[in-house]
PDB file of N, CA and C in Angstrom:
ATOM      1  N   MET A   1       3.624  -1.856  -7.292  1.00  0.00           N
ATOM      2  CA  MET A   1       2.293  -2.102  -6.761  1.00  0.00           C
ATOM      3  C   MET A   1       1.658  -0.763  -6.374  1.00  0.00           C
ATOM      4  N   PRO A   2       0.346  -0.692  -6.513  1.00  0.00           N
ATOM      5  CA  PRO A   2      -0.351   0.536  -6.101  1.00  0.00           C
ATOM      6  C   PRO A   2      -0.278   0.729  -4.589  1.00  0.00           C
ATOM      7  N   LYS A   3      -0.629   1.918  -4.149  1.00  0.00           N
ATOM      8  CA  LYS A   3      -0.653   2.223  -2.724  1.00  0.00           C
ATOM      9  C   LYS A   3      -1.610   1.272  -2.020  1.00  0.00           C
ATOM     10  N   SER A   4      -1.158   0.722  -0.897  1.00  0.00           N
ATOM     11  CA  SER A   4      -1.964  -0.221  -0.130  1.00  0.00           C
ATOM     12  C   SER A   4      -2.790   0.508   0.926  1.00  0.00           C
ATOM     13  N   TYR A   5      -4.017   0.056   1.074  1.00  0.00           N
ATOM     14  CA  TYR A   5      -4.907   0.598   2.093  1.00  0.00           C
ATOM     15  C   TYR A   5      -5.277  -0.449   3.144  1.00  0.00           C
ATOM     16  N   LEU A   6      -4.759  -1.651   3.011  1.00  0.00           N
ATOM     17  CA  LEU A   6      -5.029  -2.715   3.959  1.00  0.00           C
ATOM     18  C   LEU A   6      -3.793  -3.005   4.795  1.00  0.00           C
ATOM     19  N   SER A   7      -4.021  -3.335   6.044  1.00  0.00           N
ATOM     20  CA  SER A   7      -2.915  -3.760   6.897  1.00  0.00           C
ATOM     21  C   SER A   7      -2.608  -5.221   6.597  1.00  0.00           C
ATOM     22  N   GLU A   8      -1.473  -5.668   7.055  1.00  0.00           N
ATOM     23  CA  GLU A   8      -1.112  -7.078   6.881  1.00  0.00           C
ATOM     24  C   GLU A   8      -2.126  -7.969   7.601  1.00  0.00           C
ATOM     25  N   ASP A   9      -2.617  -7.523   8.740  1.00  0.00           N
ATOM     26  CA  ASP A   9      -3.634  -8.293   9.459  1.00  0.00           C
ATOM     27  C   ASP A   9      -4.921  -8.407   8.650  1.00  0.00           C
ATOM     28  N   ASP A  10      -5.280  -7.341   7.923  1.00  0.00           N
ATOM     29  CA  ASP A  10      -6.478  -7.380   7.086  1.00  0.00           C
ATOM     30  C   ASP A  10      -6.372  -8.448   6.005  1.00  0.00           C
ATOM     31  N   LYS A  11      -5.170  -8.713   5.556  1.00  0.00           N
ATOM     32  CA  LYS A  11      -4.948  -9.621   4.421  1.00  0.00           C
ATOM     33  C   LYS A  11      -4.862 -11.097   4.819  1.00  0.00           C
ATOM     34  N   VAL A  12      -4.756 -11.370   6.112  1.00  0.00           N
ATOM     35  CA  VAL A  12      -4.591 -12.745   6.575  1.00  0.00           C
ATOM     36  C   VAL A  12      -5.777 -13.592   6.114  1.00  0.00           C
ATOM     37  N   GLY A  13      -5.462 -14.716   5.489  1.00  0.00           N
ATOM     38  CA  GLY A  13      -6.482 -15.658   5.039  1.00  0.00           C
ATOM     39  C   GLY A  13      -7.062 -15.354   3.676  1.00  0.00           C
ATOM     40  N   MET A  14      -6.665 -14.256   3.058  1.00  0.00           N
ATOM     41  CA  MET A  14      -7.182 -13.895   1.738  1.00  0.00           C
ATOM     42  C   MET A  14      -6.294 -14.475   0.640  1.00  0.00           C
ATOM     43  N   THR A  15      -6.924 -14.856  -0.451  1.00  0.00           N
ATOM     44  CA  THR A  15      -6.151 -15.233  -1.631  1.00  0.00           C
ATOM     45  C   THR A  15      -5.570 -13.954  -2.241  1.00  0.00           C
ATOM     46  N   GLU A  16      -4.616 -14.131  -3.126  1.00  0.00           N
ATOM     47  CA  GLU A  16      -4.018 -12.985  -3.801  1.00  0.00           C
ATOM     48  C   GLU A  16      -5.080 -12.166  -4.548  1.00  0.00           C
ATOM     49  N   ASN A  17      -5.964 -12.847  -5.255  1.00  0.00           N
ATOM     50  CA  ASN A  17      -7.001 -12.163  -6.009  1.00  0.00           C
ATOM     51  C   ASN A  17      -7.950 -11.406  -5.073  1.00  0.00           C
ATOM     52  N   CYS A  18      -8.283 -12.006  -3.959  1.00  0.00           N
ATOM     53  CA  CYS A  18      -9.146 -11.352  -2.980  1.00  0.00           C
ATOM     54  C   CYS A  18      -8.470 -10.097  -2.417  1.00  0.00           C
ATOM     55  N   ILE A  19      -7.185 -10.166  -2.191  1.00  0.00           N
ATOM     56  CA  ILE A  19      -6.445  -8.991  -1.708  1.00  0.00           C
ATOM     57  C   ILE A  19      -6.533  -7.867  -2.729  1.00  0.00           C
ATOM     58  N   TYR A  20      -6.340  -8.179  -4.003  1.00  0.00           N
ATOM     59  CA  TYR A  20      -6.431  -7.153  -5.042  1.00  0.00           C
ATOM     60  C   TYR A  20      -7.805  -6.484  -5.034  1.00  0.00           C
ATOM     61  N   LEU A  21      -8.848  -7.287  -4.927  1.00  0.00           N
ATOM     62  CA  LEU A  21     -10.201  -6.738  -4.925  1.00  0.00           C
ATOM     63  C   LEU A  21     -10.473  -5.932  -3.659  1.00  0.00           C
ATOM     64  N   ALA A  22     -10.029  -6.430  -2.520  1.00  0.00           N
ATOM     65  CA  ALA A  22     -10.224  -5.707  -1.259  1.00  0.00           C
ATOM     66  C   ALA A  22      -9.435  -4.398  -1.255  1.00  0.00           C
ATOM     67  N   GLU A  23      -8.220  -4.432  -1.789  1.00  0.00           N
ATOM     68  CA  GLU A  23      -7.422  -3.204  -1.888  1.00  0.00           C
ATOM     69  C   GLU A  23      -8.116  -2.195  -2.807  1.00  0.00           C
ATOM     70  N   SER A  24      -8.670  -2.678  -3.917  1.00  0.00           N
ATOM     71  CA  SER A  24      -9.380  -1.800  -4.835  1.00  0.00           C
ATOM     72  C   SER A  24     -10.554  -1.131  -4.132  1.00  0.00           C
ATOM     73  N   PHE A  25     -11.326  -1.917  -3.402  1.00  0.00           N
ATOM     74  CA  PHE A  25     -12.471  -1.372  -2.674  1.00  0.00           C
ATOM     75  C   PHE A  25     -12.022  -0.361  -1.627  1.00  0.00           C
ATOM     76  N   ALA A  26     -10.986  -0.712  -0.865  1.00  0.00           N
ATOM     77  CA  ALA A  26     -10.493   0.179   0.191  1.00  0.00           C
ATOM     78  C   ALA A  26      -9.956   1.484  -0.396  1.00  0.00           C
ATOM     79  N   ALA A  27      -9.255   1.396  -1.515  1.00  0.00           N
ATOM     80  CA  ALA A  27      -8.743   2.606  -2.171  1.00  0.00           C
ATOM     81  C   ALA A  27      -9.901   3.483  -2.644  1.00  0.00           C
ATOM     82  N   GLY A  28     -10.919   2.860  -3.205  1.00  0.00           N
ATOM     83  CA  GLY A  28     -12.095   3.611  -3.629  1.00  0.00           C
ATOM     84  C   GLY A  28     -12.788   4.284  -2.465  1.00  0.00           C
ATOM     85  N   GLN A  29     -12.896   3.581  -1.347  1.00  0.00           N
ATOM     86  CA  GLN A  29     -13.510   4.154  -0.146  1.00  0.00           C
ATOM     87  C   GLN A  29     -12.702   5.348   0.362  1.00  0.00           C
ATOM     88  N   ALA A  30     -11.392   5.299   0.154  1.00  0.00           N
ATOM     89  CA  ALA A  30     -10.518   6.387   0.586  1.00  0.00           C
ATOM     90  C   ALA A  30     -10.487   7.535  -0.431  1.00  0.00           C
ATOM     91  N   GLY A  31     -11.172   7.364  -1.549  1.00  0.00           N
ATOM     92  CA  GLY A  31     -11.197   8.407  -2.578  1.00  0.00           C
ATOM     93  C   GLY A  31     -10.024   8.378  -3.535  1.00  0.00           C
ATOM     94  N   ASP A  32      -9.231   7.329  -3.491  1.00  0.00           N
ATOM     95  CA  ASP A  32      -8.062   7.207  -4.356  1.00  0.00           C
ATOM     96  C   ASP A  32      -8.439   6.374  -5.583  1.00  0.00           C
ATOM     97  N   LYS A  33      -9.060   7.024  -6.562  1.00  0.00           N
ATOM     98  CA  LYS A  33      -9.535   6.307  -7.747  1.00  0.00           C
ATOM     99  C   LYS A  33      -8.391   5.694  -8.547  1.00  0.00           C
ATOM    100  N   GLN A  34      -7.266   6.378  -8.603  1.00  0.00           N
ATOM    101  CA  GLN A  34      -6.132   5.853  -9.359  1.00  0.00           C
ATOM    102  C   GLN A  34      -5.677   4.514  -8.780  1.00  0.00           C
ATOM    103  N   ALA A  35      -5.514   4.452  -7.470  1.00  0.00           N
ATOM    104  CA  ALA A  35      -5.099   3.198  -6.833  1.00  0.00           C
ATOM    105  C   ALA A  35      -6.201   2.144  -6.945  1.00  0.00           C
ATOM    106  N   ALA A  36      -7.451   2.564  -6.832  1.00  0.00           N
ATOM    107  CA  ALA A  36      -8.559   1.610  -6.932  1.00  0.00           C
ATOM    108  C   ALA A  36      -8.538   0.902  -8.280  1.00  0.00           C
ATOM    109  N   TRP A  37      -8.368   1.655  -9.365  1.00  0.00           N
ATOM    110  CA  TRP A  37      -8.339   1.034 -10.689  1.00  0.00           C
ATOM    111  C   TRP A  37      -7.050   0.250 -10.913  1.00  0.00           C
ATOM    112  N   ALA A  38      -5.952   0.708 -10.333  1.00  0.00           N
ATOM    113  CA  ALA A  38      -4.691  -0.028 -10.464  1.00  0.00           C
ATOM    114  C   ALA A  38      -4.799  -1.393  -9.783  1.00  0.00           C
ATOM    115  N   TRP A  39      -5.408  -1.435  -8.599  1.00  0.00           N
ATOM    116  CA  TRP A  39      -5.618  -2.720  -7.930  1.00  0.00           C
ATOM    117  C   TRP A  39      -6.581  -3.590  -8.728  1.00  0.00           C
ATOM    118  N   MET A  40      -7.657  -2.991  -9.251  1.00  0.00           N
ATOM    119  CA  MET A  40      -8.634  -3.764 -10.022  1.00  0.00           C
ATOM    120  C   MET A  40      -7.988  -4.374 -11.267  1.00  0.00           C
ATOM    121  N   ALA A  41      -7.047  -3.654 -11.873  1.00  0.00           N
ATOM    122  CA  ALA A  41      -6.365  -4.159 -13.063  1.00  0.00           C
ATOM    123  C   ALA A  41      -5.517  -5.392 -12.751  1.00  0.00           C
ATOM    124  N   LEU A  42      -5.112  -5.553 -11.509  1.00  0.00           N
ATOM    125  CA  LEU A  42      -4.323  -6.722 -11.111  1.00  0.00           C
ATOM    126  C   LEU A  42      -5.201  -7.939 -10.843  1.00  0.00           C
ATOM    127  N   ALA A  43      -6.460  -7.704 -10.559  1.00  0.00           N
ATOM    128  CA  ALA A  43      -7.369  -8.779 -10.179  1.00  0.00           C
ATOM    129  C   ALA A  43      -7.827  -9.576 -11.390  1.00  0.00           C
ATOM    130  N   GLU A  44      -8.189 -10.821 -11.131  1.00  0.00           N
ATOM    131  CA  GLU A  44      -8.807 -11.651 -12.161  1.00  0.00           C
ATOM    132  C   GLU A  44     -10.318 -11.542 -11.977  1.00  0.00           C
ATOM    133  N   VAL A  45     -10.927 -10.759 -12.846  1.00  0.00           N
ATOM    134  CA  VAL A  45     -12.365 -10.533 -12.815  1.00  0.00           C
ATOM    135  C   VAL A  45     -13.025 -11.639 -13.644  1.00  0.00           C
ATOM    136  N   PRO A  46     -14.124 -12.217 -13.163  1.00  0.00           N
ATOM    137  CA  PRO A  46     -14.790 -13.281 -13.934  1.00  0.00           C
ATOM    138  C   PRO A  46     -15.214 -12.812 -15.324  1.00  0.00           C
ATOM    139  N   ALA A  47     -15.213 -13.749 -16.261  1.00  0.00           N
ATOM    140  CA  ALA A  47     -15.542 -13.437 -17.651  1.00  0.00           C
ATOM    141  C   ALA A  47     -16.897 -12.755 -17.777  1.00  0.00           C
ATOM    142  N   HIS A  48     -17.902 -13.245 -17.056  1.00  0.00           N
ATOM    143  CA  HIS A  48     -19.236 -12.655 -17.179  1.00  0.00           C
ATOM    144  C   HIS A  48     -19.278 -11.212 -16.677  1.00  0.00           C
ATOM    145  N   ALA A  49     -18.458 -10.897 -15.683  1.00  0.00           N
ATOM    146  CA  ALA A  49     -18.403  -9.522 -15.180  1.00  0.00           C
ATOM    147  C   ALA A  49     -17.709  -8.605 -16.191  1.00  0.00           C
ATOM    148  N   LEU A  50     -16.686  -9.104 -16.858  1.00  0.00           N
ATOM    149  CA  LEU A  50     -16.021  -8.328 -17.900  1.00  0.00           C
ATOM    150  C   LEU A  50     -16.958  -8.080 -19.076  1.00  0.00           C
ATOM    151  N   LEU A  51     -17.730  -9.091 -19.441  1.00  0.00           N
ATOM    152  CA  LEU A  51     -18.686  -8.926 -20.530  1.00  0.00           C
ATOM    153  C   LEU A  51     -19.753  -7.901 -20.151  1.00  0.00           C
ATOM    154  N   SER A  52     -20.200  -7.947 -18.927  1.00  0.00           N
ATOM    155  CA  SER A  52     -21.172  -6.965 -18.444  1.00  0.00           C
ATOM    156  C   SER A  52     -20.583  -5.554 -18.482  1.00  0.00           C
ATOM    157  N   ALA A  53     -19.320  -5.411 -18.083  1.00  0.00           N
ATOM    158  CA  ALA A  53     -18.648  -4.101 -18.128  1.00  0.00           C
ATOM    159  C   ALA A  53     -18.553  -3.603 -19.561  1.00  0.00           C
ATOM    160  N   LYS A  54     -18.274  -4.502 -20.486  1.00  0.00           N
ATOM    161  CA  LYS A  54     -18.225  -4.125 -21.905  1.00  0.00           C
ATOM    162  C   LYS A  54     -19.587  -3.635 -22.372  1.00  0.00           C
ATOM    163  N   HIS A  55     -20.644  -4.368 -22.037  1.00  0.00           N
ATOM    164  CA  HIS A  55     -21.983  -3.980 -22.461  1.00  0.00           C
ATOM    165  C   HIS A  55     -22.399  -2.640 -21.855  1.00  0.00           C
ATOM    166  N   ARG A  56     -22.037  -2.422 -20.621  1.00  0.00           N
ATOM    167  CA  ARG A  56     -22.442  -1.197 -19.912  1.00  0.00           C
ATOM    168  C   ARG A  56     -21.613   0.023 -20.311  1.00  0.00           C
ATOM    169  N   ASN A  57     -20.305  -0.180 -20.459  1.00  0.00           N
ATOM    170  CA  ASN A  57     -19.389   0.958 -20.634  1.00  0.00           C
ATOM    171  C   ASN A  57     -18.682   1.007 -21.977  1.00  0.00           C
ATOM    172  N   GLY A  58     -18.685  -0.090 -22.706  1.00  0.00           N
ATOM    173  CA  GLY A  58     -18.015  -0.144 -23.998  1.00  0.00           C
ATOM    174  C   GLY A  58     -16.650  -0.806 -23.931  1.00  0.00           C
ATOM    175  N   ALA A  59     -16.221  -1.304 -25.069  1.00  0.00           N
ATOM    176  CA  ALA A  59     -14.940  -2.008 -25.171  1.00  0.00           C
ATOM    177  C   ALA A  59     -13.763  -1.079 -24.869  1.00  0.00           C
ATOM    178  N   ASP A  60     -13.851   0.159 -25.331  1.00  0.00           N
ATOM    179  CA  ASP A  60     -12.745   1.086 -25.086  1.00  0.00           C
ATOM    180  C   ASP A  60     -12.570   1.358 -23.598  1.00  0.00           C
ATOM    181  N   TRP A  61     -13.657   1.398 -22.858  1.00  0.00           N
ATOM    182  CA  TRP A  61     -13.588   1.620 -21.414  1.00  0.00           C
ATOM    183  C   TRP A  61     -12.825   0.472 -20.747  1.00  0.00           C
ATOM    184  N   VAL A  62     -13.150  -0.760 -21.146  1.00  0.00           N
ATOM    185  CA  VAL A  62     -12.460  -1.924 -20.582  1.00  0.00           C
ATOM    186  C   VAL A  62     -10.964  -1.820 -20.869  1.00  0.00           C
ATOM    187  N   ARG A  63     -10.628  -1.438 -22.076  1.00  0.00           N
ATOM    188  CA  ARG A  63      -9.218  -1.281 -22.442  1.00  0.00           C
ATOM    189  C   ARG A  63      -8.554  -0.157 -21.639  1.00  0.00           C
ATOM    190  N   GLU A  64      -9.226   0.987 -21.543  1.00  0.00           N
ATOM    191  CA  GLU A  64      -8.663   2.146 -20.840  1.00  0.00           C
ATOM    192  C   GLU A  64      -8.402   1.852 -19.369  1.00  0.00           C
ATOM    193  N   LYS A  65      -9.249   1.048 -18.752  1.00  0.00           N
ATOM    194  CA  LYS A  65      -9.076   0.716 -17.337  1.00  0.00           C
ATOM    195  C   LYS A  65      -7.965  -0.297 -17.130  1.00  0.00           C
ATOM    196  N   GLY A  66      -7.513  -0.930 -18.211  1.00  0.00           N
ATOM    197  CA  GLY A  66      -6.412  -1.887 -18.104  1.00  0.00           C
ATOM    198  C   GLY A  66      -6.792  -3.173 -17.393  1.00  0.00           C
ATOM    199  N   LEU A  67      -8.064  -3.523 -17.471  1.00  0.00           N
ATOM    200  CA  LEU A  67      -8.520  -4.732 -16.786  1.00  0.00           C
ATOM    201  C   LEU A  67      -7.891  -5.988 -17.400  1.00  0.00           C
ATOM    202  N   ASN A  68      -7.681  -6.978 -16.560  1.00  0.00           N
ATOM    203  CA  ASN A  68      -7.152  -8.266 -16.991  1.00  0.00           C
ATOM    204  C   ASN A  68      -8.273  -8.984 -17.740  1.00  0.00           C
ATOM    205  N   THR A  69      -8.151  -9.081 -19.043  1.00  0.00           N
ATOM    206  CA  THR A  69      -9.213  -9.662 -19.867  1.00  0.00           C
ATOM    207  C   THR A  69      -9.008 -11.143 -20.177  1.00  0.00           C
ATOM    208  N   LYS A  70      -7.994 -11.748 -19.600  1.00  0.00           N
ATOM    209  CA  LYS A  70      -7.702 -13.159 -19.880  1.00  0.00           C
ATOM    210  C   LYS A  70      -8.903 -14.078 -19.624  1.00  0.00           C
ATOM    211  N   PRO A  71      -9.640 -13.923 -18.514  1.00  0.00           N
ATOM    212  CA  PRO A  71     -10.792 -14.815 -18.315  1.00  0.00           C
ATOM    213  C   PRO A  71     -11.836 -14.700 -19.435  1.00  0.00           C
ATOM    214  N   ALA A  72     -12.090 -13.496 -19.915  1.00  0.00           N
ATOM    215  CA  ALA A  72     -13.054 -13.311 -20.999  1.00  0.00           C
ATOM    216  C   ALA A  72     -12.507 -13.840 -22.319  1.00  0.00           C
ATOM    217  N   GLU A  73     -11.218 -13.679 -22.547  1.00  0.00           N
ATOM    218  CA  GLU A  73     -10.617 -14.213 -23.763  1.00  0.00           C
ATOM    219  C   GLU A  73     -10.740 -15.738 -23.790  1.00  0.00           C
ATOM    220  N   GLU A  74     -10.538 -16.376 -22.639  1.00  0.00           N
ATOM    221  CA  GLU A  74     -10.664 -17.831 -22.567  1.00  0.00           C
ATOM    222  C   GLU A  74     -12.103 -18.270 -22.774  1.00  0.00           C
ATOM    223  N   ALA A  75     -13.045 -17.487 -22.282  1.00  0.00           N
ATOM    224  CA  ALA A  75     -14.456 -17.862 -22.377  1.00  0.00           C
ATOM    225  C   ALA A  75     -15.087 -17.510 -23.718  1.00  0.00           C
ATOM    226  N   TYR A  76     -14.717 -16.362 -24.284  1.00  0.00           N
ATOM    227  CA  TYR A  76     -15.409 -15.834 -25.462  1.00  0.00           C
ATOM    228  C   TYR A  76     -14.531 -15.711 -26.709  1.00  0.00           C
ATOM    229  N   GLY A  77     -13.235 -15.935 -26.567  1.00  0.00           N
ATOM    230  CA  GLY A  77     -12.311 -15.789 -27.685  1.00  0.00           C
ATOM    231  C   GLY A  77     -11.517 -14.496 -27.577  1.00  0.00           C
ATOM    232  N   ASN A  78     -10.363 -14.477 -28.215  1.00  0.00           N
ATOM    233  CA  ASN A  78      -9.450 -13.329 -28.113  1.00  0.00           C
ATOM    234  C   ASN A  78     -10.041 -12.022 -28.633  1.00  0.00           C
ATOM    235  N   ASP A  79     -11.013 -12.119 -29.518  1.00  0.00           N
ATOM    236  CA  ASP A  79     -11.587 -10.910 -30.120  1.00  0.00           C
ATOM    237  C   ASP A  79     -12.912 -10.499 -29.479  1.00  0.00           C
ATOM    238  N   TRP A  80     -13.183 -10.955 -28.263  1.00  0.00           N
ATOM    239  CA  TRP A  80     -14.473 -10.713 -27.618  1.00  0.00           C
ATOM    240  C   TRP A  80     -14.798  -9.231 -27.462  1.00  0.00           C
ATOM    241  N   LEU A  81     -13.789  -8.397 -27.270  1.00  0.00           N
ATOM    242  CA  LEU A  81     -14.054  -6.959 -27.131  1.00  0.00           C
ATOM    243  C   LEU A  81     -14.527  -6.325 -28.436  1.00  0.00           C
ATOM    244  N   ASP A  82     -14.143  -6.902 -29.555  1.00  0.00           N
ATOM    245  CA  ASP A  82     -14.473  -6.325 -30.853  1.00  0.00           C
ATOM    246  C   ASP A  82     -15.684  -6.986 -31.531  1.00  0.00           C
ATOM    247  N   ARG A  83     -16.201  -8.023 -30.903  1.00  0.00           N
ATOM    248  CA  ARG A  83     -17.363  -8.718 -31.459  1.00  0.00           C
ATOM    249  C   ARG A  83     -18.628  -8.344 -30.701  1.00  0.00           C
ATOM    250  N   ASP A  84     -19.756  -8.553 -31.354  1.00  0.00           N
ATOM    251  CA  ASP A  84     -21.061  -8.350 -30.729  1.00  0.00           C
ATOM    252  C   ASP A  84     -21.484  -9.647 -30.048  1.00  0.00           C
ATOM    253  N   ILE A  85     -21.225  -9.748 -28.768  1.00  0.00           N
ATOM    254  CA  ILE A  85     -21.665 -10.931 -28.009  1.00  0.00           C
ATOM    255  C   ILE A  85     -22.406 -10.498 -26.773  1.00  0.00           C
TER     256      ILE A  85
END
């Protein structure tokens, strides 16, 4: 697991996915970009947000960041990164 920036008390009541996103944000706030992206890669990002990231940054960027693309694959098909959608 990436370096944690949240205390156990901070995590109380959060879902696992919420913890990943909060850790990513906290790592980014601390200037630890490596940990921020590592936490983001563990999170389940909504399909529409992944598609937006593809449109804004390109398919290779999504791949390089190691984002979990399963939600987009379920919504748009396994080849969504390589298609024009």
